[in-house]
Amino acid sequence: MKLLLLRTFWVVLALFFSLSVGSLQAQEAGFVSLFDGQSLTGWVGNKSSYLVKEGMIVIEPKGGGGGNLYTEKEYGNFILRFEFQLTPGANNGLGIHAPLEGDAAYVGKEFQILDNEAEKYAGLQTYQYHGSLYGVMSAKRGFLSPTGEWNQQEVRINHPYVTVILNGEVILEGNYLEASQSGTLDKKEHPGLTRSRGHIGFLGHGDLVRFRNIKIKELP
């Protein structure tokens, strides 16, 4: 009887493990890595400030901390997943549909990556909060992990629709062309809003930020 129960236990455990692995594989189906954890192969731009350390892309203030690092490949519609770690007061950005030249916030699109809970950012405009489409759409606050801890983010682009999910919470969702029909929040021209394809990049502002587990799934 004990032997039968033990065998049943292991069968159930094996079945549970199989289902869990199958579910995980299904969730990851179609995703490819943009970062191999060892090099910046597949990336172009400022490789003196963006370094590979211990399986992460690290923006080093010692190297200037500014400048941009872009994917070699251009992307249209996609789901992007990545993890990031902010340091106190850190500021970076996620560029999409961007050309390799010009300010990605205007000639492409920039989503804020920002420790907006830092005291020095107390006077931010709503479109500057983390996850916001800079100058155009404001994200919800309050869902960043404590500074220094890792955050998980997903950005879904189906031009002109965007969804940003931070640590499991939808913080931004909508149509950026409709949002800017009557003018942008920052009252500036954003010609990049009409672009439906371009490079993906990290946009440095001189602060220490770390990224890892960067994956993408292209959509039709």
Protein backbone atom coordinates (compact mmCIF):
# COMPACT_ATOMS: atom_id res chain seq x y z
CA MET A 1 0.00 0.00 0.00
CA LYS A 2 2.80 2.42 0.92
CA LEU A 3 4.62 1.54 -2.30
CA LEU A 4 1.46 2.23 -4.33
CA LEU A 5 0.98 5.61 -2.63
CA LEU A 6 4.62 6.50 -3.26
CA ARG A 7 4.33 5.60 -6.93
CA THR A 8 1.12 7.63 -7.21
CA PHE A 9 2.83 10.60 -5.58
CA TRP A 10 5.69 10.52 -8.09
CA VAL A 11 3.32 10.15 -11.03
CA VAL A 12 1.30 13.17 -9.89
CA LEU A 13 4.49 15.15 -9.28
CA ALA A 14 5.81 14.28 -12.74
CA LEU A 15 2.50 15.25 -14.32
CA PHE A 16 2.48 18.58 -12.47
CA PHE A 17 6.06 19.30 -13.54
CA SER A 18 5.23 18.41 -17.14
CA LEU A 19 2.20 20.70 -17.18
CA SER A 20 4.19 23.55 -15.60
CA VAL A 21 7.01 23.24 -18.14
CA GLY A 22 4.50 22.99 -20.98
CA SER A 23 2.72 26.10 -19.77
CA LEU A 24 6.00 28.02 -19.50
CA GLN A 25 7.04 26.93 -22.98
CA ALA A 26 3.68 28.02 -24.36
CA GLN A 27 4.07 31.45 -22.72
CA GLU A 28 7.52 31.86 -24.26
CA ALA A 29 6.53 30.56 -27.70
CA GLY A 30 7.65 32.91 -30.41
CA PHE A 31 9.96 34.99 -28.19
CA VAL A 32 13.61 35.39 -29.12
CA SER A 33 16.38 36.90 -27.03
CA LEU A 34 17.75 40.32 -27.96
CA PHE A 35 20.64 39.98 -25.52
CA ASP A 36 22.80 36.87 -25.16
CA GLY A 37 24.06 37.87 -21.71
CA GLN A 38 27.67 37.87 -22.87
CA SER A 39 28.08 40.48 -25.58
CA LEU A 40 26.39 43.35 -27.40
CA THR A 41 26.10 41.36 -30.59
CA GLY A 42 23.06 42.61 -32.46
CA TRP A 43 23.28 46.09 -30.93
CA VAL A 44 24.73 49.34 -32.27
CA GLY A 45 25.46 52.71 -30.72
CA ASN A 46 27.27 53.79 -27.56
CA LYS A 47 29.19 50.71 -26.50
CA SER A 48 31.52 52.67 -24.22
CA SER A 49 28.75 53.59 -21.77
CA TYR A 50 26.68 50.42 -22.24
CA LEU A 51 28.67 47.44 -21.01
CA VAL A 52 27.99 43.76 -20.41
CA LYS A 53 28.51 42.69 -16.79
CA GLU A 54 27.39 39.47 -15.11
CA GLY A 55 24.69 38.75 -17.67
CA MET A 56 23.34 42.31 -17.70
CA ILE A 57 23.54 45.39 -19.89
CA VAL A 58 24.84 48.08 -17.53
CA ILE A 59 24.89 51.80 -18.28
CA GLU A 60 28.07 53.15 -16.74
CA PRO A 61 28.10 56.81 -15.68
CA LYS A 62 31.92 56.63 -15.82
CA GLY A 63 31.63 56.19 -19.57
CA GLY A 64 29.41 59.23 -19.81
CA GLY A 65 26.21 57.30 -19.17
CA GLY A 66 24.56 59.09 -22.04
CA GLY A 67 23.96 58.18 -25.63
CA ASN A 68 21.83 55.41 -27.02
CA LEU A 69 22.15 51.71 -27.65
CA TYR A 70 19.92 50.37 -30.44
CA THR A 71 19.07 47.02 -31.95
CA GLU A 72 20.67 46.51 -35.35
CA LYS A 73 17.35 45.22 -36.63
CA GLU A 74 14.22 47.31 -37.09
CA TYR A 75 10.87 46.18 -35.66
CA GLY A 76 7.26 47.00 -36.39
CA ASN A 77 4.62 45.38 -34.18
CA PHE A 78 5.93 43.34 -31.27
CA ILE A 79 5.80 42.31 -27.63
CA LEU A 80 8.96 43.26 -25.77
CA ARG A 81 9.77 41.87 -22.33
CA PHE A 82 12.69 42.92 -20.18
CA GLU A 83 13.80 43.42 -16.59
CA PHE A 84 15.41 46.59 -15.30
CA GLN A 85 16.97 47.79 -12.07
CA LEU A 86 17.01 51.48 -11.17
CA THR A 87 19.43 53.23 -8.89
CA PRO A 88 18.32 56.29 -6.85
CA GLY A 89 17.15 59.06 -9.17
CA ALA A 90 18.06 57.11 -12.30
CA ASN A 91 16.73 58.16 -15.70
CA ASN A 92 16.74 56.21 -18.96
CA GLY A 93 14.33 55.57 -21.77
CA LEU A 94 13.03 52.90 -24.12
CA GLY A 95 13.03 54.04 -27.73
CA ILE A 96 10.89 52.31 -30.34
CA HIS A 97 10.28 52.84 -34.06
CA ALA A 98 13.35 55.06 -33.94
CA PRO A 99 15.90 55.95 -36.62
CA LEU A 100 19.54 55.80 -35.58
CA GLU A 101 19.89 59.59 -35.73
CA GLY A 102 17.97 62.33 -33.94
CA ASP A 103 16.13 62.52 -30.61
CA ALA A 104 14.15 59.28 -30.32
CA ALA A 105 11.51 60.98 -28.17
CA TYR A 106 10.44 62.98 -31.22
CA VAL A 107 11.69 61.24 -34.37
CA GLY A 108 10.61 57.90 -32.89
CA LYS A 109 8.84 57.23 -29.60
CA GLU A 110 10.29 57.17 -26.09
CA PHE A 111 8.82 55.41 -23.07
CA GLN A 112 10.16 56.65 -19.76
CA ILE A 113 12.38 54.45 -17.59
CA LEU A 114 12.66 56.51 -14.44
CA ASP A 115 12.90 56.45 -10.67
CA ASN A 116 10.05 58.97 -10.50
CA GLU A 117 9.67 58.43 -6.74
CA ALA A 118 12.96 60.25 -6.18
CA GLU A 119 12.61 63.60 -4.43
CA LYS A 120 14.32 65.48 -7.27
CA TYR A 121 11.47 64.47 -9.59
CA ALA A 122 8.70 65.82 -7.38
CA GLY A 123 7.76 68.40 -10.00
CA LEU A 124 7.41 66.07 -12.98
CA GLN A 125 4.73 66.46 -15.58
CA THR A 126 2.44 63.41 -15.77
CA TYR A 127 3.83 62.45 -19.19
CA GLN A 128 7.27 62.08 -17.60
CA TYR A 129 6.34 59.30 -15.16
CA HIS A 130 7.84 55.88 -15.65
CA GLY A 131 6.17 54.01 -18.51
CA SER A 132 4.72 57.14 -20.08
CA LEU A 133 5.02 57.77 -23.80
CA TYR A 134 7.10 60.90 -23.40
CA GLY A 135 5.18 64.07 -24.17
CA VAL A 136 2.13 62.20 -25.41
CA MET A 137 0.52 59.73 -22.97
CA SER A 138 0.74 59.54 -19.16
CA ALA A 139 1.26 56.25 -17.33
CA LYS A 140 -0.11 55.33 -13.89
CA ARG A 141 2.27 55.70 -10.96
CA GLY A 142 2.82 53.49 -7.94
CA PHE A 143 3.82 50.16 -9.47
CA LEU A 144 7.62 50.36 -9.55
CA SER A 145 9.46 47.99 -7.23
CA PRO A 146 11.46 49.71 -4.48
CA THR A 147 14.54 51.38 -5.95
CA GLY A 148 17.34 48.85 -6.27
CA GLU A 149 15.02 45.89 -6.83
CA TRP A 150 14.30 44.35 -10.22
CA ASN A 151 11.22 45.27 -12.24
CA GLN A 152 9.55 43.28 -15.01
CA GLN A 153 8.09 45.19 -17.93
CA GLU A 154 6.24 44.27 -21.08
CA VAL A 155 5.59 46.67 -23.95
CA ARG A 156 3.08 45.64 -26.60
CA ILE A 157 3.04 47.60 -29.85
CA ASN A 158 0.41 47.12 -32.52
CA HIS A 159 0.68 50.46 -34.32
CA PRO A 160 -0.89 52.79 -33.30
CA TYR A 161 -1.90 50.95 -30.12
CA VAL A 162 0.35 50.48 -27.12
CA THR A 163 0.10 48.63 -23.82
CA VAL A 164 2.72 48.88 -21.08
CA ILE A 165 2.61 46.33 -18.25
CA LEU A 166 4.83 46.91 -15.21
CA ASN A 167 5.20 44.15 -12.62
CA GLY A 168 1.89 42.64 -13.76
CA GLU A 169 -0.07 45.94 -13.78
CA VAL A 170 -1.24 47.73 -16.94
CA ILE A 171 0.08 51.26 -16.48
CA LEU A 172 -0.47 52.61 -20.00
CA GLU A 173 -2.86 51.65 -22.75
CA GLY A 174 -4.26 53.41 -25.77
CA ASN A 175 -3.89 54.75 -29.30
CA TYR A 176 -1.05 57.28 -29.50
CA LEU A 177 -2.26 58.81 -32.76
CA GLU A 178 -5.68 59.48 -31.26
CA ALA A 179 -4.06 60.77 -28.06
CA SER A 180 -2.19 63.40 -30.05
CA GLN A 181 -4.98 64.45 -32.43
CA SER A 182 -5.65 67.69 -30.58
CA GLY A 183 -1.98 68.27 -29.78
CA THR A 184 0.57 66.54 -27.58
CA LEU A 185 0.83 66.97 -23.82
CA ASP A 186 4.20 68.70 -24.10
CA LYS A 187 2.95 70.96 -26.92
CA LYS A 188 5.76 69.80 -29.20
CA GLU A 189 5.84 68.13 -32.59
CA HIS A 190 6.29 64.35 -32.50
CA PRO A 191 6.61 63.26 -36.14
CA GLY A 192 7.82 59.84 -34.97
CA LEU A 193 4.29 58.96 -33.83
CA THR A 194 3.39 58.10 -37.40
CA ARG A 195 6.36 55.75 -37.81
CA SER A 196 5.32 52.11 -37.74
CA ARG A 197 8.80 50.59 -37.85
CA GLY A 198 12.28 51.33 -36.54
CA HIS A 199 14.96 50.41 -34.04
CA ILE A 200 14.45 49.59 -30.36
CA GLY A 201 16.90 51.22 -27.99
CA PHE A 202 17.86 52.26 -24.49
CA LEU A 203 18.26 56.01 -24.18
CA GLY A 204 20.80 57.06 -21.56
CA HIS A 205 20.78 60.21 -19.42
CA GLY A 206 23.99 59.74 -17.43
CA ASP A 207 22.63 57.40 -14.73
CA LEU A 208 23.38 53.84 -13.66
CA VAL A 209 20.66 51.44 -14.84
CA ARG A 210 20.81 47.68 -15.41
CA PHE A 211 18.87 45.53 -17.90
CA ARG A 212 18.54 41.77 -18.36
CA ASN A 213 16.32 39.06 -19.89
CA ILE A 214 15.46 41.12 -22.96
CA LYS A 215 13.14 39.19 -25.28
CA ILE A 216 10.90 40.05 -28.20
CA LYS A 217 8.10 38.46 -30.14
CA GLU A 218 7.29 40.01 -33.51
CA LEU A 219 3.64 40.41 -34.42
CA PRO A 220 2.02 40.61 -37.88
